PDB file of N, CA and C in Angstrom:
ATOM      1  N   MET A   1       0.849  -1.242  -0.112  1.00  0.00           N
ATOM      2  CA  MET A   1      -0.005  -0.071  -0.009  1.00  0.00           C
ATOM      3  C   MET A   1       0.986   1.220  -0.047  1.00  0.00           C
ATOM      4  N   ALA A   2       0.635   2.129  -0.800  1.00  0.00           N
ATOM      5  CA  ALA A   2       1.542   3.443  -0.929  1.00  0.00           C
ATOM      6  C   ALA A   2       1.080   4.304   0.015  1.00  0.00           C
ATOM      7  N   ALA A   3       2.048   5.192   0.513  1.00  0.00           N
ATOM      8  CA  ALA A   3       1.605   6.221   1.462  1.00  0.00           C
ATOM      9  C   ALA A   3       1.322   7.494   0.852  1.00  0.00           C
ATOM     10  N   ALA A   4       0.012   7.980   1.387  1.00  0.00           N
ATOM     11  CA  ALA A   4      -0.725   9.085   0.940  1.00  0.00           C
ATOM     12  C   ALA A   4       0.060  10.259   1.215  1.00  0.00           C
ATOM     13  N   ALA A   5       0.047  11.166   0.126  1.00  0.00           N
ATOM     14  CA  ALA A   5       1.006  12.487   0.143  1.00  0.00           C
ATOM     15  C   ALA A   5      -0.040  13.322   1.229  1.00  0.00           C
ATOM     16  N   PRO A   6       1.144  14.190   2.068  1.00  0.00           N
ATOM     17  CA  PRO A   6       0.234  15.125   2.811  1.00  0.00           C
ATOM     18  C   PRO A   6      -0.813  16.041   2.379  1.00  0.00           C
ATOM     19  N   PRO A   7      -1.804  16.481   2.704  1.00  0.00           N
ATOM     20  CA  PRO A   7      -2.491  17.404   2.134  1.00  0.00           C
ATOM     21  C   PRO A   7      -1.855  18.963   2.107  1.00  0.00           C
ATOM     22  N   ALA A   8      -2.194  19.669   0.977  1.00  0.00           N
ATOM     23  CA  ALA A   8      -1.318  20.387   0.610  1.00  0.00           C
ATOM     24  C   ALA A   8      -2.056  21.797   1.531  1.00  0.00           C
ATOM     25  N   ALA A   9      -3.210  21.917   2.164  1.00  0.00           N
ATOM     26  CA  ALA A   9      -3.864  23.004   2.933  1.00  0.00           C
ATOM     27  C   ALA A   9      -3.199  23.069   3.993  1.00  0.00           C
ATOM     28  N   PRO A  10      -2.749  22.147   4.931  1.00  0.00           N
ATOM     29  CA  PRO A  10      -2.027  22.753   6.070  1.00  0.00           C
ATOM     30  C   PRO A  10      -0.708  22.976   6.035  1.00  0.00           C
ATOM     31  N   ARG A  11      -0.057  22.536   4.833  1.00  0.00           N
ATOM     32  CA  ARG A  11       1.186  23.382   4.576  1.00  0.00           C
ATOM     33  C   ARG A  11       1.111  24.713   4.106  1.00  0.00           C
ATOM     34  N   ALA A  12       0.183  24.900   3.397  1.00  0.00           N
ATOM     35  CA  ALA A  12      -0.108  26.255   2.930  1.00  0.00           C
ATOM     36  C   ALA A  12      -0.198  27.306   4.032  1.00  0.00           C
ATOM     37  N   LEU A  13      -1.225  26.972   4.862  1.00  0.00           N
ATOM     38  CA  LEU A  13      -1.753  27.627   6.042  1.00  0.00           C
ATOM     39  C   LEU A  13      -0.645  27.852   7.029  1.00  0.00           C
ATOM     40  N   ARG A  14       0.569  26.649   7.290  1.00  0.00           N
ATOM     41  CA  ARG A  14       1.691  26.987   7.908  1.00  0.00           C
ATOM     42  C   ARG A  14       2.619  28.217   7.263  1.00  0.00           C
ATOM     43  N   LEU A  15       2.867  27.775   5.954  1.00  0.00           N
ATOM     44  CA  LEU A  15       3.671  29.011   5.370  1.00  0.00           C
ATOM     45  C   LEU A  15       2.918  30.521   5.261  1.00  0.00           C
ATOM     46  N   LEU A  16       1.575  30.521   5.220  1.00  0.00           N
ATOM     47  CA  LEU A  16       1.008  31.997   5.399  1.00  0.00           C
ATOM     48  C   LEU A  16       1.120  32.382   6.802  1.00  0.00           C
ATOM     49  N   GLY A  17       1.198  31.462   7.837  1.00  0.00           N
ATOM     50  CA  GLY A  17       1.274  31.923   9.027  1.00  0.00           C
ATOM     51  C   GLY A  17       2.552  32.369   9.430  1.00  0.00           C
ATOM     52  N   ALA A  18       3.836  31.789   8.698  1.00  0.00           N
ATOM     53  CA  ALA A  18       5.172  32.145   8.983  1.00  0.00           C
ATOM     54  C   ALA A  18       5.272  33.482   8.181  1.00  0.00           C
ATOM     55  N   ALA A  19       4.659  33.673   6.936  1.00  0.00           N
ATOM     56  CA  ALA A  19       4.914  34.808   6.348  1.00  0.00           C
ATOM     57  C   ALA A  19       4.245  35.987   7.030  1.00  0.00           C
ATOM     58  N   LEU A  20       3.178  36.018   7.712  1.00  0.00           N
ATOM     59  CA  LEU A  20       2.662  36.674   8.488  1.00  0.00           C
ATOM     60  C   LEU A  20       3.165  37.286   9.571  1.00  0.00           C
ATOM     61  N   LEU A  21       3.845  36.232  10.424  1.00  0.00           N
ATOM     62  CA  LEU A  21       4.591  36.383  11.411  1.00  0.00           C
ATOM     63  C   LEU A  21       5.943  37.250  11.181  1.00  0.00           C
ATOM     64  N   LEU A  22       6.600  36.932  10.000  1.00  0.00           N
ATOM     65  CA  LEU A  22       7.831  37.919   9.520  1.00  0.00           C
ATOM     66  C   LEU A  22       7.177  39.209   9.305  1.00  0.00           C
ATOM     67  N   LEU A  23       6.128  39.436   8.649  1.00  0.00           N
ATOM     68  CA  LEU A  23       5.792  40.793   8.364  1.00  0.00           C
ATOM     69  C   LEU A  23       5.476  41.625   9.742  1.00  0.00           C
ATOM     70  N   LEU A  24       5.011  40.792  10.664  1.00  0.00           N
ATOM     71  CA  LEU A  24       4.945  41.598  11.995  1.00  0.00           C
ATOM     72  C   LEU A  24       6.223  41.948  12.663  1.00  0.00           C
ATOM     73  N   LEU A  25       7.286  40.947  12.388  1.00  0.00           N
ATOM     74  CA  LEU A  25       8.428  41.186  13.106  1.00  0.00           C
ATOM     75  C   LEU A  25       9.371  42.029  12.297  1.00  0.00           C
ATOM     76  N   VAL A  26       9.270  42.405  11.209  1.00  0.00           N
ATOM     77  CA  VAL A  26      10.178  43.346  10.364  1.00  0.00           C
ATOM     78  C   VAL A  26       9.435  44.606  10.832  1.00  0.00           C
ATOM     79  N   PRO A  27      10.503  45.670  11.249  1.00  0.00           N
ATOM     80  CA  PRO A  27       9.909  46.931  11.465  1.00  0.00           C
ATOM     81  C   PRO A  27       9.612  47.869  10.085  1.00  0.00           C
ATOM     82  N   ALA A  28       8.535  48.691  10.377  1.00  0.00           N
ATOM     83  CA  ALA A  28       8.289  49.521   9.328  1.00  0.00           C
ATOM     84  C   ALA A  28       9.505  50.481   8.970  1.00  0.00           C
ATOM     85  N   GLY A  29       9.492  50.527   7.711  1.00  0.00           N
ATOM     86  CA  GLY A  29      10.760  51.397   7.062  1.00  0.00           C
ATOM     87  C   GLY A  29      10.441  53.019   7.594  1.00  0.00           C
ATOM     88  N   ARG A  30       9.256  53.525   8.010  1.00  0.00           N
ATOM     89  CA  ARG A  30       9.383  55.086   8.280  1.00  0.00           C
ATOM     90  C   ARG A  30       8.452  54.790   9.575  1.00  0.00           C
ATOM     91  N   ARG A  31       8.714  55.911  10.284  1.00  0.00           N
ATOM     92  CA  ARG A  31       7.985  56.268  11.507  1.00  0.00           C
ATOM     93  C   ARG A  31       7.570  57.719  11.580  1.00  0.00           C
ATOM     94  N   ALA A  32       6.443  58.225  12.486  1.00  0.00           N
ATOM     95  CA  ALA A  32       6.354  59.437  12.462  1.00  0.00           C
ATOM     96  C   ALA A  32       7.495  60.256  13.241  1.00  0.00           C
ATOM     97  N   ALA A  33       7.644  61.549  12.860  1.00  0.00           N
ATOM     98  CA  ALA A  33       8.548  62.393  13.582  1.00  0.00           C
ATOM     99  C   ALA A  33       8.337  62.627  14.782  1.00  0.00           C
ATOM    100  N   GLY A  34       9.088  62.309  15.891  1.00  0.00           N
ATOM    101  CA  GLY A  34       8.732  62.558  17.264  1.00  0.00           C
ATOM    102  C   GLY A  34       8.389  61.317  17.846  1.00  0.00           C
ATOM    103  N   THR A  35       7.975  60.123  17.310  1.00  0.00           N
ATOM    104  CA  THR A  35       7.670  59.114  17.882  1.00  0.00           C
ATOM    105  C   THR A  35       8.861  58.388  18.300  1.00  0.00           C
ATOM    106  N   PRO A  36       8.691  58.167  19.809  1.00  0.00           N
ATOM    107  CA  PRO A  36       9.841  57.780  20.470  1.00  0.00           C
ATOM    108  C   PRO A  36       9.984  56.134  20.224  1.00  0.00           C
ATOM    109  N   VAL A  37      11.425  55.802  20.242  1.00  0.00           N
ATOM    110  CA  VAL A  37      11.640  54.488  19.918  1.00  0.00           C
ATOM    111  C   VAL A  37      11.644  53.586  21.490  1.00  0.00           C
ATOM    112  N   VAL A  38      10.779  52.424  21.285  1.00  0.00           N
ATOM    113  CA  VAL A  38      10.869  51.744  22.552  1.00  0.00           C
ATOM    114  C   VAL A  38      11.695  50.525  22.341  1.00  0.00           C
ATOM    115  N   THR A  39      12.605  50.491  23.305  1.00  0.00           N
ATOM    116  CA  THR A  39      13.383  49.339  23.044  1.00  0.00           C
ATOM    117  C   THR A  39      12.879  48.168  24.103  1.00  0.00           C
ATOM    118  N   GLU A  40      12.335  48.287  25.136  1.00  0.00           N
ATOM    119  CA  GLU A  40      11.965  47.178  25.896  1.00  0.00           C
ATOM    120  C   GLU A  40      10.304  47.554  26.266  1.00  0.00           C
ATOM    121  N   LEU A  41       9.637  46.298  26.430  1.00  0.00           N
ATOM    122  CA  LEU A  41       8.125  46.421  26.510  1.00  0.00           C
ATOM    123  C   LEU A  41       7.865  45.888  27.580  1.00  0.00           C
ATOM    124  N   ARG A  42       8.781  45.787  28.737  1.00  0.00           N
ATOM    125  CA  ARG A  42       8.578  45.197  29.960  1.00  0.00           C
ATOM    126  C   ARG A  42       9.398  45.656  31.158  1.00  0.00           C
ATOM    127  N   CYS A  43       9.065  45.670  32.236  1.00  0.00           N
ATOM    128  CA  CYS A  43      10.014  46.242  33.222  1.00  0.00           C
ATOM    129  C   CYS A  43      11.433  45.586  33.148  1.00  0.00           C
ATOM    130  N   GLN A  44      12.370  46.526  33.492  1.00  0.00           N
ATOM    131  CA  GLN A  44      13.877  46.143  33.708  1.00  0.00           C
ATOM    132  C   GLN A  44      14.048  45.598  35.102  1.00  0.00           C
ATOM    133  N   CYS A  45      13.596  46.034  36.038  1.00  0.00           N
ATOM    134  CA  CYS A  45      13.888  45.753  37.538  1.00  0.00           C
ATOM    135  C   CYS A  45      13.028  44.990  37.952  1.00  0.00           C
ATOM    136  N   LEU A  46      13.267  43.546  38.536  1.00  0.00           N
ATOM    137  CA  LEU A  46      12.421  42.611  38.818  1.00  0.00           C
ATOM    138  C   LEU A  46      12.822  42.639  40.430  1.00  0.00           C
ATOM    139  N   GLN A  47      14.021  42.931  40.739  1.00  0.00           N
ATOM    140  CA  GLN A  47      14.444  43.006  42.058  1.00  0.00           C
ATOM    141  C   GLN A  47      15.129  44.463  42.307  1.00  0.00           C
ATOM    142  N   THR A  48      14.876  45.192  43.523  1.00  0.00           N
ATOM    143  CA  THR A  48      15.465  46.365  43.674  1.00  0.00           C
ATOM    144  C   THR A  48      16.191  46.120  45.163  1.00  0.00           C
ATOM    145  N   LEU A  49      17.295  47.289  45.072  1.00  0.00           N
ATOM    146  CA  LEU A  49      18.176  47.380  46.519  1.00  0.00           C
ATOM    147  C   LEU A  49      17.444  48.651  47.225  1.00  0.00           C
ATOM    148  N   GLN A  50      17.469  48.389  48.418  1.00  0.00           N
ATOM    149  CA  GLN A  50      17.139  49.670  49.163  1.00  0.00           C
ATOM    150  C   GLN A  50      18.144  50.807  49.001  1.00  0.00           C
ATOM    151  N   GLY A  51      19.311  50.703  48.790  1.00  0.00           N
ATOM    152  CA  GLY A  51      20.386  51.527  48.603  1.00  0.00           C
ATOM    153  C   GLY A  51      21.820  51.256  48.493  1.00  0.00           C
ATOM    154  N   ILE A  52      22.401  52.058  48.062  1.00  0.00           N
ATOM    155  CA  ILE A  52      23.967  51.508  47.946  1.00  0.00           C
ATOM    156  C   ILE A  52      24.854  52.801  47.965  1.00  0.00           C
ATOM    157  N   HIS A  53      25.719  52.663  48.403  1.00  0.00           N
ATOM    158  CA  HIS A  53      26.770  53.784  48.739  1.00  0.00           C
ATOM    159  C   HIS A  53      27.116  54.808  47.530  1.00  0.00           C
ATOM    160  N   LEU A  54      26.821  56.114  47.875  1.00  0.00           N
ATOM    161  CA  LEU A  54      26.996  57.001  46.993  1.00  0.00           C
ATOM    162  C   LEU A  54      28.388  56.889  46.097  1.00  0.00           C
ATOM    163  N   LYS A  55      29.251  56.631  46.671  1.00  0.00           N
ATOM    164  CA  LYS A  55      30.651  56.382  46.126  1.00  0.00           C
ATOM    165  C   LYS A  55      30.872  55.469  45.056  1.00  0.00           C
ATOM    166  N   ASN A  56      30.091  54.431  45.286  1.00  0.00           N
ATOM    167  CA  ASN A  56      30.169  53.593  44.127  1.00  0.00           C
ATOM    168  C   ASN A  56      29.246  53.728  42.866  1.00  0.00           C
ATOM    169  N   ILE A  57      28.607  54.741  42.831  1.00  0.00           N
ATOM    170  CA  ILE A  57      27.624  54.905  41.837  1.00  0.00           C
ATOM    171  C   ILE A  57      28.426  56.124  40.755  1.00  0.00           C
ATOM    172  N   GLN A  58      28.435  55.384  39.446  1.00  0.00           N
ATOM    173  CA  GLN A  58      28.811  56.403  38.370  1.00  0.00           C
ATOM    174  C   GLN A  58      27.898  57.101  37.633  1.00  0.00           C
ATOM    175  N   SER A  59      26.693  56.457  37.717  1.00  0.00           N
ATOM    176  CA  SER A  59      25.547  57.347  36.879  1.00  0.00           C
ATOM    177  C   SER A  59      24.175  56.633  37.440  1.00  0.00           C
ATOM    178  N   VAL A  60      23.208  57.473  37.289  1.00  0.00           N
ATOM    179  CA  VAL A  60      21.724  56.918  37.385  1.00  0.00           C
ATOM    180  C   VAL A  60      20.688  57.421  36.575  1.00  0.00           C
ATOM    181  N   LYS A  61      20.068  56.298  36.341  1.00  0.00           N
ATOM    182  CA  LYS A  61      18.838  56.591  34.882  1.00  0.00           C
ATOM    183  C   LYS A  61      17.552  56.221  35.747  1.00  0.00           C
ATOM    184  N   VAL A  62      16.732  57.395  35.669  1.00  0.00           N
ATOM    185  CA  VAL A  62      15.183  57.018  36.150  1.00  0.00           C
ATOM    186  C   VAL A  62      14.466  56.985  35.130  1.00  0.00           C
ATOM    187  N   THR A  63      13.680  55.782  34.991  1.00  0.00           N
ATOM    188  CA  THR A  63      12.699  55.660  33.943  1.00  0.00           C
ATOM    189  C   THR A  63      11.236  55.754  34.523  1.00  0.00           C
ATOM    190  N   PRO A  64      10.590  56.823  34.067  1.00  0.00           N
ATOM    191  CA  PRO A  64       9.220  57.072  34.687  1.00  0.00           C
ATOM    192  C   PRO A  64       8.194  55.882  34.022  1.00  0.00           C
ATOM    193  N   SER A  65       7.153  55.481  34.901  1.00  0.00           N
ATOM    194  CA  SER A  65       6.198  54.524  34.632  1.00  0.00           C
ATOM    195  C   SER A  65       5.677  54.887  33.470  1.00  0.00           C
ATOM    196  N   GLY A  66       5.083  53.895  32.627  1.00  0.00           N
ATOM    197  CA  GLY A  66       4.496  54.076  31.403  1.00  0.00           C
ATOM    198  C   GLY A  66       3.918  52.681  30.768  1.00  0.00           C
ATOM    199  N   PRO A  67       3.757  52.426  29.577  1.00  0.00           N
ATOM    200  CA  PRO A  67       2.874  51.499  29.176  1.00  0.00           C
ATOM    201  C   PRO A  67       3.982  50.398  29.031  1.00  0.00           C
ATOM    202  N   HIS A  68       5.429  50.589  29.173  1.00  0.00           N
ATOM    203  CA  HIS A  68       6.283  49.471  29.248  1.00  0.00           C
ATOM    204  C   HIS A  68       6.363  48.805  30.819  1.00  0.00           C
ATOM    205  N   CYS A  69       6.092  49.675  31.793  1.00  0.00           N
ATOM    206  CA  CYS A  69       6.087  49.342  33.282  1.00  0.00           C
ATOM    207  C   CYS A  69       5.230  50.118  33.982  1.00  0.00           C
ATOM    208  N   ALA A  70       4.735  49.666  34.907  1.00  0.00           N
ATOM    209  CA  ALA A  70       3.643  50.276  35.898  1.00  0.00           C
ATOM    210  C   ALA A  70       4.424  51.110  36.858  1.00  0.00           C
ATOM    211  N   GLN A  71       5.949  50.758  37.099  1.00  0.00           N
ATOM    212  CA  GLN A  71       6.369  51.647  38.121  1.00  0.00           C
ATOM    213  C   GLN A  71       7.717  52.180  37.674  1.00  0.00           C
ATOM    214  N   THR A  72       7.995  53.493  38.448  1.00  0.00           N
ATOM    215  CA  THR A  72       9.217  53.985  38.142  1.00  0.00           C
ATOM    216  C   THR A  72      10.458  53.286  38.321  1.00  0.00           C
ATOM    217  N   GLU A  73      11.237  52.955  37.625  1.00  0.00           N
ATOM    218  CA  GLU A  73      12.551  52.207  37.750  1.00  0.00           C
ATOM    219  C   GLU A  73      13.874  53.055  37.921  1.00  0.00           C
ATOM    220  N   VAL A  74      14.715  52.898  38.612  1.00  0.00           N
ATOM    221  CA  VAL A  74      15.953  53.576  39.011  1.00  0.00           C
ATOM    222  C   VAL A  74      16.980  52.613  38.952  1.00  0.00           C
ATOM    223  N   ILE A  75      17.889  52.928  37.666  1.00  0.00           N
ATOM    224  CA  ILE A  75      19.154  52.044  37.513  1.00  0.00           C
ATOM    225  C   ILE A  75      20.286  52.907  37.791  1.00  0.00           C
ATOM    226  N   ALA A  76      21.062  52.246  38.722  1.00  0.00           N
ATOM    227  CA  ALA A  76      22.273  52.789  38.681  1.00  0.00           C
ATOM    228  C   ALA A  76      23.564  52.111  38.249  1.00  0.00           C
ATOM    229  N   THR A  77      24.430  52.807  37.334  1.00  0.00           N
ATOM    230  CA  THR A  77      25.343  52.088  36.775  1.00  0.00           C
ATOM    231  C   THR A  77      26.513  52.318  37.810  1.00  0.00           C
ATOM    232  N   LEU A  78      27.452  51.230  38.320  1.00  0.00           N
ATOM    233  CA  LEU A  78      28.373  51.422  39.406  1.00  0.00           C
ATOM    234  C   LEU A  78      29.670  51.550  38.572  1.00  0.00           C
ATOM    235  N   LYS A  79      30.803  52.047  39.570  1.00  0.00           N
ATOM    236  CA  LYS A  79      31.869  52.448  38.866  1.00  0.00           C
ATOM    237  C   LYS A  79      32.777  51.335  38.228  1.00  0.00           C
ATOM    238  N   ASN A  80      32.292  49.954  38.788  1.00  0.00           N
ATOM    239  CA  ASN A  80      32.681  48.842  38.079  1.00  0.00           C
ATOM    240  C   ASN A  80      32.053  48.438  36.782  1.00  0.00           C
ATOM    241  N   GLY A  81      31.138  48.884  36.380  1.00  0.00           N
ATOM    242  CA  GLY A  81      30.281  48.800  35.314  1.00  0.00           C
ATOM    243  C   GLY A  81      28.947  48.000  35.466  1.00  0.00           C
ATOM    244  N   GLN A  82      28.737  47.235  36.473  1.00  0.00           N
ATOM    245  CA  GLN A  82      27.565  46.816  36.981  1.00  0.00           C
ATOM    246  C   GLN A  82      26.444  47.427  37.351  1.00  0.00           C
ATOM    247  N   GLU A  83      25.285  47.204  36.622  1.00  0.00           N
ATOM    248  CA  GLU A  83      24.074  47.862  36.962  1.00  0.00           C
ATOM    249  C   GLU A  83      23.016  47.351  37.761  1.00  0.00           C
ATOM    250  N   VAL A  84      22.460  48.054  38.945  1.00  0.00           N
ATOM    251  CA  VAL A  84      21.768  47.533  39.756  1.00  0.00           C
ATOM    252  C   VAL A  84      20.222  48.423  39.956  1.00  0.00           C
ATOM    253  N   CYS A  85      19.461  47.815  40.229  1.00  0.00           N
ATOM    254  CA  CYS A  85      17.754  48.560  40.442  1.00  0.00           C
ATOM    255  C   CYS A  85      17.852  48.849  41.595  1.00  0.00           C
ATOM    256  N   LEU A  86      17.239  50.007  41.942  1.00  0.00           N
ATOM    257  CA  LEU A  86      17.195  50.598  43.269  1.00  0.00           C
ATOM    258  C   LEU A  86      15.744  50.754  43.298  1.00  0.00           C
ATOM    259  N   ASN A  87      15.276  50.663  44.369  1.00  0.00           N
ATOM    260  CA  ASN A  87      14.088  50.884  45.222  1.00  0.00           C
ATOM    261  C   ASN A  87      13.611  52.357  44.964  1.00  0.00           C
ATOM    262  N   PRO A  88      12.894  53.154  44.224  1.00  0.00           N
ATOM    263  CA  PRO A  88      12.656  54.503  43.809  1.00  0.00           C
ATOM    264  C   PRO A  88      11.834  54.914  45.501  1.00  0.00           C
ATOM    265  N   GLU A  89      11.381  54.187  46.083  1.00  0.00           N
ATOM    266  CA  GLU A  89      10.666  54.920  47.220  1.00  0.00           C
ATOM    267  C   GLU A  89      11.445  54.804  48.522  1.00  0.00           C
ATOM    268  N   ALA A  90      12.748  54.026  48.420  1.00  0.00           N
ATOM    269  CA  ALA A  90      13.448  54.018  49.597  1.00  0.00           C
ATOM    270  C   ALA A  90      14.287  55.387  49.881  1.00  0.00           C
ATOM    271  N   PRO A  91      14.042  55.898  51.220  1.00  0.00           N
ATOM    272  CA  PRO A  91      14.596  57.276  51.689  1.00  0.00           C
ATOM    273  C   PRO A  91      15.889  57.527  51.128  1.00  0.00           C
ATOM    274  N   MET A  92      16.745  56.418  51.018  1.00  0.00           N
ATOM    275  CA  MET A  92      18.264  56.728  50.622  1.00  0.00           C
ATOM    276  C   MET A  92      18.344  56.974  49.244  1.00  0.00           C
ATOM    277  N   VAL A  93      17.701  55.999  48.543  1.00  0.00           N
ATOM    278  CA  VAL A  93      17.549  56.180  46.866  1.00  0.00           C
ATOM    279  C   VAL A  93      17.091  57.588  46.519  1.00  0.00           C
ATOM    280  N   LYS A  94      16.037  58.202  47.214  1.00  0.00           N
ATOM    281  CA  LYS A  94      15.595  59.472  47.138  1.00  0.00           C
ATOM    282  C   LYS A  94      16.472  60.401  47.226  1.00  0.00           C
ATOM    283  N   ARG A  95      17.478  60.217  48.273  1.00  0.00           N
ATOM    284  CA  ARG A  95      18.410  61.195  48.666  1.00  0.00           C
ATOM    285  C   ARG A  95      19.823  61.062  47.654  1.00  0.00           C
ATOM    286  N   ILE A  96      19.758  59.878  47.183  1.00  0.00           N
ATOM    287  CA  ILE A  96      20.900  59.750  45.978  1.00  0.00           C
ATOM    288  C   ILE A  96      20.729  60.401  44.752  1.00  0.00           C
ATOM    289  N   ILE A  97      19.312  60.291  44.570  1.00  0.00           N
ATOM    290  CA  ILE A  97      18.878  60.667  43.150  1.00  0.00           C
ATOM    291  C   ILE A  97      18.806  62.449  43.294  1.00  0.00           C
ATOM    292  N   HIS A  98      18.386  62.780  44.722  1.00  0.00           N
ATOM    293  CA  HIS A  98      18.488  64.233  44.837  1.00  0.00           C
ATOM    294  C   HIS A  98      19.849  64.914  44.676  1.00  0.00           C
ATOM    295  N   LYS A  99      21.027  64.010  45.308  1.00  0.00           N
ATOM    296  CA  LYS A  99      22.311  64.594  45.395  1.00  0.00           C
ATOM    297  C   LYS A  99      22.885  64.537  43.755  1.00  0.00           C
ATOM    298  N   MET A 100      22.579  63.290  42.939  1.00  0.00           N
ATOM    299  CA  MET A 100      23.122  63.139  41.629  1.00  0.00           C
ATOM    300  C   MET A 100      22.481  64.751  40.810  1.00  0.00           C
ATOM    301  N   LEU A 101      21.154  65.168  41.182  1.00  0.00           N
ATOM    302  CA  LEU A 101      20.650  66.109  40.356  1.00  0.00           C
ATOM    303  C   LEU A 101      21.179  67.296  40.705  1.00  0.00           C
ATOM    304  N   ASN A 102      21.406  67.497  42.008  1.00  0.00           N
ATOM    305  CA  ASN A 102      22.147  68.862  42.673  1.00  0.00           C
ATOM    306  C   ASN A 102      23.357  68.833  42.020  1.00  0.00           C
ATOM    307  N   LYS A 103      24.252  67.701  42.041  1.00  0.00           N
ATOM    308  CA  LYS A 103      25.619  67.708  41.428  1.00  0.00           C
ATOM    309  C   LYS A 103      25.549  68.160  40.004  1.00  0.00           C
ATOM    310  N   GLY A 104      24.723  67.718  39.175  1.00  0.00           N
ATOM    311  CA  GLY A 104      24.681  67.821  37.872  1.00  0.00           C
ATOM    312  C   GLY A 104      24.383  69.484  37.446  1.00  0.00           C
ATOM    313  N   SER A 105      23.575  70.209  38.628  1.00  0.00           N
ATOM    314  CA  SER A 105      23.076  71.329  38.123  1.00  0.00           C
ATOM    315  C   SER A 105      24.229  72.296  38.670  1.00  0.00           C
ATOM    316  N   THR A 106      25.122  71.849  39.663  1.00  0.00           N
ATOM    317  CA  THR A 106      26.060  72.993  39.927  1.00  0.00           C
ATOM    318  C   THR A 106      27.232  73.092  38.988  1.00  0.00           C
ATOM    319  N   ASN A 107      27.540  72.027  38.127  1.00  0.00           N
ATOM    320  CA  ASN A 107      28.719  72.326  37.131  1.00  0.00           C
ATOM    321  C   ASN A 107      28.101  73.218  35.997  1.00  0.00           C
TER     322      ASN A 107
END
């Protein structure tokens, strides 16, 4: 008995599905002027520290809440290159951000 050939319809549907997925993944060639480029669509900080000594911090990036994440995120880059997430509600972190902002405005 000869083996039956697989039906063409399921194969065609798989190819169509793959083509549609590829179209969704390929970014559009143009975007409106002023449209922000979103690189992450999720929170970056899953765990946070309550604080870290100011002398170990090279820079601080504060990302406000938005469609990517419901909470404000504070990411400190340490002098050794490591990035750590800080709890934006912790009193010590608020002081660090305040000092970093004041340091930038005096120069």
